[in-house]
Amino acid sequence: MNPAATPLQISDVSVLYGANRVLDRVSLSTGGGEFIALLGASGCGKTTLLRAICGFVAIAGGLIAVGGRDITRLPPDQRNIAMVFQSYALWPHMTVAQNIGYGLKLRGAGRSEIARRIAELLGMLRLEGLGERKVTALSGGQRQRVALGRALAVNPQILLLLIAPAHSAPFLHPTRACARRRDGREPRRN
């Protein structure tokens, strides 16, 4: 296992929506650097589990730990987890570069650091030359890559992708490239 990779532990997590228990003592443990897919019928709790990991949904019981650190009660902005939503949740009034750099700006990164990271991600995601374009002028696949870039920009410990399986292919190449860079290997260009 890569020492920079971060394990995720979910122990006996339960989530209630009102009186309705939508997750009932769910447990899952991953090693760092793993790709895990949650598959199941519509309404079985996949999205709720991912939202609980991010801190967007309060849990009624259980533990969520990242790298051995309990994050169960931390707010989303203190968890160092990024999530790409199925809708991509891009800001339509912003450019590609502004969307990618948004999380860095919120974290107080300097302009030069933001510009460097945006340039790196535009290249990795094959979006060179599109940084000043509004996201509303992009194709669906380009929008997916912008959403992934925004998530990767902040160097999260955990990256969650909430996507339909049919739409997962565009995420695999850049995510593997990022993992190879973290391991010290250069990504292969196809």
C-alpha atoms as a PDB file:
ATOM      1  CA  MET A   1       0.000   0.000   0.000  1.00  0.00           C
ATOM      2  CA  ASN A   2       1.220   3.508  -0.820  1.00  0.00           C
ATOM      3  CA  PRO A   3       2.088   5.268   2.457  1.00  0.00           C
ATOM      4  CA  ALA A   4       0.458   8.479   1.146  1.00  0.00           C
ATOM      5  CA  ALA A   5      -2.830   6.643   0.531  1.00  0.00           C
ATOM      6  CA  THR A   6      -5.488   7.030   3.186  1.00  0.00           C
ATOM      7  CA  PRO A   7      -7.744   4.260   4.533  1.00  0.00           C
ATOM      8  CA  LEU A   8     -11.432   4.850   5.231  1.00  0.00           C
ATOM      9  CA  GLN A   9     -13.324   3.093   8.025  1.00  0.00           C
ATOM     10  CA  ILE A  10     -17.088   3.160   8.434  1.00  0.00           C
ATOM     11  CA  SER A  11     -18.340   1.329  11.529  1.00  0.00           C
ATOM     12  CA  ASP A  12     -22.000   0.682  12.371  1.00  0.00           C
ATOM     13  CA  VAL A  13     -23.199   3.888  10.685  1.00  0.00           C
ATOM     14  CA  SER A  14     -26.922   4.568  10.865  1.00  0.00           C
ATOM     15  CA  VAL A  15     -28.802   7.456   9.251  1.00  0.00           C
ATOM     16  CA  LEU A  16     -32.377   8.487   9.941  1.00  0.00           C
ATOM     17  CA  TYR A  17     -34.608  10.692   7.813  1.00  0.00           C
ATOM     18  CA  GLY A  18     -37.256  11.528  10.370  1.00  0.00           C
ATOM     19  CA  ALA A  19     -38.404   8.201  11.797  1.00  0.00           C
ATOM     20  CA  ASN A  20     -37.252   6.333   8.659  1.00  0.00           C
ATOM     21  CA  ARG A  21     -33.939   4.452   9.113  1.00  0.00           C
ATOM     22  CA  VAL A  22     -32.249   4.637   5.691  1.00  0.00           C
ATOM     23  CA  LEU A  23     -28.891   3.210   6.781  1.00  0.00           C
ATOM     24  CA  ASP A  24     -28.830   0.568   9.493  1.00  0.00           C
ATOM     25  CA  ARG A  25     -25.415  -0.132  11.065  1.00  0.00           C
ATOM     26  CA  VAL A  26     -23.424  -0.068   7.814  1.00  0.00           C
ATOM     27  CA  SER A  27     -19.757  -1.018   8.091  1.00  0.00           C
ATOM     28  CA  LEU A  28     -17.071  -0.761   5.418  1.00  0.00           C
ATOM     29  CA  SER A  29     -13.301  -0.642   5.575  1.00  0.00           C
ATOM     30  CA  THR A  30     -10.988   0.254   2.712  1.00  0.00           C
ATOM     31  CA  GLY A  31      -7.252   0.310   2.409  1.00  0.00           C
ATOM     32  CA  GLY A  32      -5.602   3.418   1.080  1.00  0.00           C
ATOM     33  CA  GLY A  33      -5.364   3.767  -2.674  1.00  0.00           C
ATOM     34  CA  GLU A  34      -8.274   1.432  -3.408  1.00  0.00           C
ATOM     35  CA  PHE A  35     -11.077   2.022  -5.893  1.00  0.00           C
ATOM     36  CA  ILE A  36     -14.352   0.870  -4.351  1.00  0.00           C
ATOM     37  CA  ALA A  37     -17.719   0.758  -6.117  1.00  0.00           C
ATOM     38  CA  LEU A  38     -21.031   0.752  -4.272  1.00  0.00           C
ATOM     39  CA  LEU A  39     -23.667  -0.988  -6.331  1.00  0.00           C
ATOM     40  CA  GLY A  40     -27.305  -1.477  -5.480  1.00  0.00           C
ATOM     41  CA  ALA A  41     -30.880  -0.781  -6.381  1.00  0.00           C
ATOM     42  CA  SER A  42     -32.222   2.740  -6.511  1.00  0.00           C
ATOM     43  CA  GLY A  43     -33.093   3.937  -3.017  1.00  0.00           C
ATOM     44  CA  CYS A  44     -30.904   1.441  -1.144  1.00  0.00           C
ATOM     45  CA  GLY A  45     -28.734   4.137   0.503  1.00  0.00           C
ATOM     46  CA  LYS A  46     -25.644   4.480  -1.706  1.00  0.00           C
ATOM     47  CA  THR A  47     -25.942   8.261  -2.021  1.00  0.00           C
ATOM     48  CA  THR A  48     -26.883   8.652   1.635  1.00  0.00           C
ATOM     49  CA  LEU A  49     -23.751   6.747   2.666  1.00  0.00           C
ATOM     50  CA  LEU A  50     -21.508   8.942   0.498  1.00  0.00           C
ATOM     51  CA  ARG A  51     -23.215  12.092   1.804  1.00  0.00           C
ATOM     52  CA  ALA A  52     -22.680  10.832   5.387  1.00  0.00           C
ATOM     53  CA  ILE A  53     -18.978  10.240   4.690  1.00  0.00           C
ATOM     54  CA  CYS A  54     -18.695  13.842   3.442  1.00  0.00           C
ATOM     55  CA  GLY A  55     -20.624  15.207   6.406  1.00  0.00           C
ATOM     56  CA  PHE A  56     -23.593  16.437   4.368  1.00  0.00           C
ATOM     57  CA  VAL A  57     -25.925  14.104   6.294  1.00  0.00           C
ATOM     58  CA  ALA A  58     -25.796  13.720  10.079  1.00  0.00           C
ATOM     59  CA  ILE A  59     -25.472  10.169  11.311  1.00  0.00           C
ATOM     60  CA  ALA A  60     -27.580   8.783  14.146  1.00  0.00           C
ATOM     61  CA  GLY A  61     -24.885   6.374  15.285  1.00  0.00           C
ATOM     62  CA  GLY A  62     -21.580   4.844  14.363  1.00  0.00           C
ATOM     63  CA  LEU A  63     -18.106   6.043  13.411  1.00  0.00           C
ATOM     64  CA  ILE A  64     -16.446   7.420  10.283  1.00  0.00           C
ATOM     65  CA  ALA A  65     -12.638   7.561  10.333  1.00  0.00           C
ATOM     66  CA  VAL A  66     -10.134   8.670   7.694  1.00  0.00           C
ATOM     67  CA  GLY A  67      -6.534   7.652   8.182  1.00  0.00           C
ATOM     68  CA  GLY A  68      -7.380   6.504  11.704  1.00  0.00           C
ATOM     69  CA  ARG A  69      -8.800   9.933  12.661  1.00  0.00           C
ATOM     70  CA  ASP A  70     -12.426  10.100  13.793  1.00  0.00           C
ATOM     71  CA  ILE A  71     -14.235  12.610  11.549  1.00  0.00           C
ATOM     72  CA  THR A  72     -17.763  11.581  12.523  1.00  0.00           C
ATOM     73  CA  ARG A  73     -18.744  14.932  14.042  1.00  0.00           C
ATOM     74  CA  LEU A  74     -16.564  17.234  11.914  1.00  0.00           C
ATOM     75  CA  PRO A  75     -18.258  19.621   9.471  1.00  0.00           C
ATOM     76  CA  PRO A  76     -17.729  18.906   5.742  1.00  0.00           C
ATOM     77  CA  ASP A  77     -15.068  21.591   5.256  1.00  0.00           C
ATOM     78  CA  GLN A  78     -12.830  19.992   7.915  1.00  0.00           C
ATOM     79  CA  ARG A  79     -12.899  16.422   6.562  1.00  0.00           C
ATOM     80  CA  ASN A  80     -10.561  16.796   3.545  1.00  0.00           C
ATOM     81  CA  ILE A  81     -12.934  14.728   1.423  1.00  0.00           C
ATOM     82  CA  ALA A  82     -14.100  15.734  -2.045  1.00  0.00           C
ATOM     83  CA  MET A  83     -17.180  14.495  -3.846  1.00  0.00           C
ATOM     84  CA  VAL A  84     -18.172  14.694  -7.495  1.00  0.00           C
ATOM     85  CA  PHE A  85     -21.948  14.789  -7.691  1.00  0.00           C
ATOM     86  CA  GLN A  86     -23.944  13.072 -10.420  1.00  0.00           C
ATOM     87  CA  SER A  87     -25.219  16.502 -11.525  1.00  0.00           C
ATOM     88  CA  TYR A  88     -21.585  17.817 -11.367  1.00  0.00           C
ATOM     89  CA  ALA A  89     -22.832  20.864  -9.336  1.00  0.00           C
ATOM     90  CA  LEU A  90     -20.774  23.322 -11.375  1.00  0.00           C
ATOM     91  CA  TRP A  91     -21.221  27.074 -11.015  1.00  0.00           C
ATOM     92  CA  PRO A  92     -22.755  28.144 -14.366  1.00  0.00           C
ATOM     93  CA  HIS A  93     -21.668  31.798 -14.025  1.00  0.00           C
ATOM     94  CA  MET A  94     -18.007  30.798 -13.586  1.00  0.00           C
ATOM     95  CA  THR A  95     -15.368  29.778 -16.081  1.00  0.00           C
ATOM     96  CA  VAL A  96     -13.731  26.359 -16.153  1.00  0.00           C
ATOM     97  CA  ALA A  97     -10.700  27.754 -14.297  1.00  0.00           C
ATOM     98  CA  GLN A  98     -12.856  29.471 -11.668  1.00  0.00           C
ATOM     99  CA  ASN A  99     -14.806  26.254 -11.043  1.00  0.00           C
ATOM    100  CA  ILE A 100     -11.616  24.207 -10.686  1.00  0.00           C
ATOM    101  CA  GLY A 101      -9.998  26.755  -8.376  1.00  0.00           C
ATOM    102  CA  TYR A 102     -13.082  27.401  -6.253  1.00  0.00           C
ATOM    103  CA  GLY A 103     -12.181  25.087  -3.368  1.00  0.00           C
ATOM    104  CA  LEU A 104      -8.639  26.431  -3.241  1.00  0.00           C
ATOM    105  CA  LYS A 105      -9.974  29.988  -3.053  1.00  0.00           C
ATOM    106  CA  LEU A 106     -12.274  28.997  -0.176  1.00  0.00           C
ATOM    107  CA  ARG A 107      -9.280  27.500   1.638  1.00  0.00           C
ATOM    108  CA  GLY A 108      -7.356  30.766   1.300  1.00  0.00           C
ATOM    109  CA  ALA A 109      -4.727  29.594  -1.187  1.00  0.00           C
ATOM    110  CA  GLY A 110      -2.661  32.298  -2.873  1.00  0.00           C
ATOM    111  CA  ARG A 111      -3.289  33.351  -6.460  1.00  0.00           C
ATOM    112  CA  SER A 112      -0.072  31.817  -7.771  1.00  0.00           C
ATOM    113  CA  GLU A 113      -0.798  28.473  -6.081  1.00  0.00           C
ATOM    114  CA  ILE A 114      -4.349  28.475  -7.473  1.00  0.00           C
ATOM    115  CA  ALA A 115      -3.105  29.320 -10.985  1.00  0.00           C
ATOM    116  CA  ARG A 116      -0.429  26.598 -10.832  1.00  0.00           C
ATOM    117  CA  ARG A 117      -2.890  23.949  -9.658  1.00  0.00           C
ATOM    118  CA  ILE A 118      -5.493  24.940 -12.263  1.00  0.00           C
ATOM    119  CA  ALA A 119      -2.889  24.717 -15.051  1.00  0.00           C
ATOM    120  CA  GLU A 120      -1.774  21.291 -13.809  1.00  0.00           C
ATOM    121  CA  LEU A 121      -5.343  19.971 -13.729  1.00  0.00           C
ATOM    122  CA  LEU A 122      -6.310  21.465 -17.098  1.00  0.00           C
ATOM    123  CA  GLY A 123      -3.421  19.478 -18.594  1.00  0.00           C
ATOM    124  CA  MET A 124      -4.131  16.267 -16.681  1.00  0.00           C
ATOM    125  CA  LEU A 125      -7.820  16.376 -17.630  1.00  0.00           C
ATOM    126  CA  ARG A 126      -7.170  17.352 -21.243  1.00  0.00           C
ATOM    127  CA  LEU A 127      -8.959  20.676 -20.894  1.00  0.00           C
ATOM    128  CA  GLU A 128      -6.075  22.847 -22.132  1.00  0.00           C
ATOM    129  CA  GLY A 129      -7.322  26.038 -23.780  1.00  0.00           C
ATOM    130  CA  LEU A 130     -10.728  25.871 -22.065  1.00  0.00           C
ATOM    131  CA  GLY A 131      -9.879  27.621 -18.802  1.00  0.00           C
ATOM    132  CA  GLU A 132     -11.642  30.875 -19.709  1.00  0.00           C
ATOM    133  CA  ARG A 133     -14.723  29.208 -21.194  1.00  0.00           C
ATOM    134  CA  LYS A 134     -17.983  29.187 -19.229  1.00  0.00           C
ATOM    135  CA  VAL A 135     -18.960  25.683 -18.161  1.00  0.00           C
ATOM    136  CA  THR A 136     -22.338  26.143 -19.871  1.00  0.00           C
ATOM    137  CA  ALA A 137     -20.476  26.134 -23.201  1.00  0.00           C
ATOM    138  CA  LEU A 138     -18.897  22.702 -22.612  1.00  0.00           C
ATOM    139  CA  SER A 139     -19.883  19.220 -23.670  1.00  0.00           C
ATOM    140  CA  GLY A 140     -21.145  16.757 -21.060  1.00  0.00           C
ATOM    141  CA  GLY A 141     -17.812  14.943 -20.939  1.00  0.00           C
ATOM    142  CA  GLN A 142     -15.914  18.196 -20.495  1.00  0.00           C
ATOM    143  CA  ARG A 143     -18.239  19.172 -17.644  1.00  0.00           C
ATOM    144  CA  GLN A 144     -17.513  15.837 -15.959  1.00  0.00           C
ATOM    145  CA  ARG A 145     -13.799  16.548 -16.157  1.00  0.00           C
ATOM    146  CA  VAL A 146     -14.247  20.059 -14.738  1.00  0.00           C
ATOM    147  CA  ALA A 147     -16.159  18.588 -11.783  1.00  0.00           C
ATOM    148  CA  LEU A 148     -13.372  16.053 -11.260  1.00  0.00           C
ATOM    149  CA  GLY A 149     -10.773  18.823 -11.508  1.00  0.00           C
ATOM    150  CA  ARG A 150     -12.554  20.871  -8.866  1.00  0.00           C
ATOM    151  CA  ALA A 151     -12.565  17.841  -6.552  1.00  0.00           C
ATOM    152  CA  LEU A 152      -8.894  16.994  -7.184  1.00  0.00           C
ATOM    153  CA  ALA A 153      -7.694  20.605  -6.865  1.00  0.00           C
ATOM    154  CA  VAL A 154      -7.827  20.532  -3.068  1.00  0.00           C
ATOM    155  CA  ASN A 155      -5.813  17.274  -2.839  1.00  0.00           C
ATOM    156  CA  PRO A 156      -8.443  15.429  -0.814  1.00  0.00           C
ATOM    157  CA  GLN A 157      -7.537  12.414   1.287  1.00  0.00           C
ATOM    158  CA  ILE A 158     -10.669  10.676  -0.026  1.00  0.00           C
ATOM    159  CA  LEU A 159     -12.352  11.234  -3.407  1.00  0.00           C
ATOM    160  CA  LEU A 160     -15.966  10.117  -3.750  1.00  0.00           C
ATOM    161  CA  LEU A 161     -17.622   9.875  -7.160  1.00  0.00           C
ATOM    162  CA  LEU A 162     -21.396   9.812  -7.229  1.00  0.00           C
ATOM    163  CA  ILE A 163     -21.925   8.816 -10.849  1.00  0.00           C
ATOM    164  CA  ALA A 164     -24.013   6.421 -12.854  1.00  0.00           C
ATOM    165  CA  PRO A 165     -21.928   3.416 -14.017  1.00  0.00           C
ATOM    166  CA  ALA A 166     -22.569   4.289 -17.658  1.00  0.00           C
ATOM    167  CA  HIS A 167     -20.879   7.664 -17.077  1.00  0.00           C
ATOM    168  CA  SER A 168     -17.828   6.413 -15.177  1.00  0.00           C
ATOM    169  CA  ALA A 169     -15.329   5.936 -18.023  1.00  0.00           C
ATOM    170  CA  PRO A 170     -14.230   9.617 -18.258  1.00  0.00           C
ATOM    171  CA  PHE A 171     -13.293   9.545 -14.571  1.00  0.00           C
ATOM    172  CA  LEU A 172     -11.068   6.495 -14.702  1.00  0.00           C
ATOM    173  CA  HIS A 173      -8.154   7.838 -16.785  1.00  0.00           C
ATOM    174  CA  PRO A 174      -7.594  11.095 -14.836  1.00  0.00           C
ATOM    175  CA  THR A 175      -8.059   9.387 -11.477  1.00  0.00           C
ATOM    176  CA  ARG A 176      -5.518   6.697 -12.355  1.00  0.00           C
ATOM    177  CA  ALA A 177      -3.142   9.392 -13.639  1.00  0.00           C
ATOM    178  CA  CYS A 178      -3.436  11.203 -10.311  1.00  0.00           C
ATOM    179  CA  ALA A 179      -2.734   7.971  -8.413  1.00  0.00           C
ATOM    180  CA  ARG A 180       0.341   7.270 -10.556  1.00  0.00           C
ATOM    181  CA  ARG A 181       1.681  10.779  -9.912  1.00  0.00           C
ATOM    182  CA  ARG A 182       1.194  10.282  -6.175  1.00  0.00           C
ATOM    183  CA  ASP A 183       3.158   7.005  -6.459  1.00  0.00           C
ATOM    184  CA  GLY A 184       5.954   8.807  -8.308  1.00  0.00           C
ATOM    185  CA  ARG A 185       5.135   7.325 -11.701  1.00  0.00           C
ATOM    186  CA  GLU A 186       4.300   9.512 -14.663  1.00  0.00           C
ATOM    187  CA  PRO A 187       0.831   9.074 -16.150  1.00  0.00           C
ATOM    188  CA  ARG A 188       0.676   7.475 -19.566  1.00  0.00           C
ATOM    189  CA  ARG A 189      -0.930   9.557 -22.323  1.00  0.00           C
ATOM    190  CA  ASN A 190      -3.257   7.672 -24.640  1.00  0.00           C
END
